[in-house]
Protein backbone atom coordinates (compact mmCIF):
# COMPACT_ATOMS: atom_id res chain seq x y z
CA MET A 1 99.97 114.60 85.68
CA ARG A 2 101.05 118.23 85.06
CA PHE A 3 104.28 118.60 83.45
CA ARG A 4 104.52 115.08 82.24
CA GLU A 5 107.05 115.65 79.42
CA GLU A 6 109.17 117.46 81.91
CA PHE A 7 108.96 114.57 84.39
CA GLU A 8 109.85 112.04 81.54
CA ARG A 9 112.92 114.40 80.53
CA LEU A 10 114.18 114.51 83.87
CA ASP A 11 113.76 110.91 84.61
CA ALA A 12 116.10 110.02 81.69
CA GLU A 13 118.63 112.75 82.26
CA LEU A 14 119.14 112.08 85.78
CA THR A 15 119.18 108.30 85.26
CA LEU A 16 121.78 108.50 82.47
CA ALA A 17 123.87 110.56 85.00
CA GLY A 18 123.83 107.63 87.58
CA HIS A 19 120.94 108.71 89.98
CA VAL A 20 118.26 106.42 90.88
CA VAL A 21 114.93 108.47 90.15
CA LEU A 22 111.73 107.74 91.91
CA THR A 23 108.82 109.49 90.12
CA PRO A 24 105.30 109.79 90.78
CA ILE A 25 103.35 107.29 88.55
CA VAL A 26 102.25 108.30 85.17
CA LEU A 27 98.70 106.96 84.31
CA ASP A 28 96.62 107.63 80.95
CA PRO A 29 94.41 110.82 81.47
CA ALA A 30 91.47 108.57 80.70
CA THR A 31 92.08 106.44 83.78
CA LYS A 32 89.32 106.85 86.21
CA LEU A 33 90.40 106.06 89.91
CA ASP A 34 88.14 105.99 92.86
CA ALA A 35 88.77 107.54 96.08
CA ALA A 36 90.55 104.53 97.69
CA GLU A 37 92.74 104.11 94.77
CA ARG A 38 93.75 107.94 94.73
CA ALA A 39 94.46 107.66 98.44
CA ARG A 40 96.55 104.46 97.82
CA LEU A 41 98.69 106.09 95.20
CA ALA A 42 99.01 109.16 97.41
CA ARG A 43 100.47 106.94 100.21
CA VAL A 44 102.82 105.18 97.75
CA HIS A 45 104.14 108.38 96.55
CA LEU A 46 104.96 109.64 100.14
CA GLN A 47 106.70 106.26 100.51
CA ARG A 48 108.83 107.02 97.55
CA ILE A 49 109.55 110.49 99.04
CA ALA A 50 110.61 108.88 102.54
CA MET A 51 112.96 106.70 100.59
CA SER A 52 114.71 109.53 98.61
CA ASP A 53 118.05 111.24 99.45
CA GLN A 54 116.70 114.44 97.91
CA VAL A 55 113.49 115.73 96.27
CA LEU A 56 113.44 117.86 93.18
CA ILE A 57 110.34 119.70 92.72
CA VAL A 58 109.38 120.13 88.98
CA ASN A 59 107.66 123.58 89.27
CA VAL A 60 107.35 124.70 85.64
CA GLY A 61 106.40 128.32 85.69
CA ASP A 62 106.90 128.19 89.45
CA TYR A 63 103.66 126.24 89.77
CA VAL A 64 103.43 124.17 93.14
CA GLY A 65 100.12 122.66 93.58
CA GLU A 66 98.52 121.69 96.80
CA SER A 67 99.61 118.12 96.62
CA THR A 68 103.11 119.12 95.88
CA ARG A 69 102.96 121.46 98.92
CA ARG A 70 102.08 118.41 101.03
CA GLU A 71 104.76 116.38 99.45
CA ILE A 72 107.45 119.23 100.29
CA GLU A 73 106.30 119.26 103.91
CA HIS A 74 106.49 115.51 103.89
CA ALA A 75 110.01 115.53 102.62
CA ARG A 76 111.16 118.29 105.04
CA SER A 77 109.51 116.84 108.06
CA ARG A 78 112.00 113.77 107.36
CA GLY A 79 115.04 116.04 106.98
CA ILE A 80 115.04 115.31 103.23
CA PRO A 81 116.47 118.25 101.16
CA VAL A 82 114.39 119.88 98.75
CA SER A 83 115.25 121.67 95.49
CA PHE A 84 113.24 123.35 92.80
CA LEU A 85 113.80 122.99 88.91
CA GLU A 86 113.05 126.67 88.47
CA PRO A 87 113.58 129.56 90.84
CA HIS A 88 110.90 129.49 93.47
CA ALA A 89 109.06 132.52 94.81
CA ASN A 90 109.45 133.06 98.64
CA ASP A 91 106.39 131.62 100.12
CA ASP A 92 105.26 129.01 102.60
CA ASP A 93 107.15 126.40 100.78
CA ASP A 94 110.47 127.90 101.63
CA ALA A 95 109.87 127.82 105.60
CA ALA A 96 112.12 124.88 106.59
């Protein structure tokens, strides 16, 4: 997971502030997953997003990868507000 330390910091900070935080699974980098396992984890993560009141994109250095773009689209298609940790460049992700 890219920005693992930032996710962990935000998880603790937001939880201590009284929010219920649903974060992506963090696996050991040595963990090997087959295609079916990766697909299952992606589906579960989209379910987490669907359960959310808001989605915070951890875009350190304004990096937003392809899977994150799909997650943004998933959230917005369900009317879930999306915000960004850092100022976000005006691109396709900003289209609501």
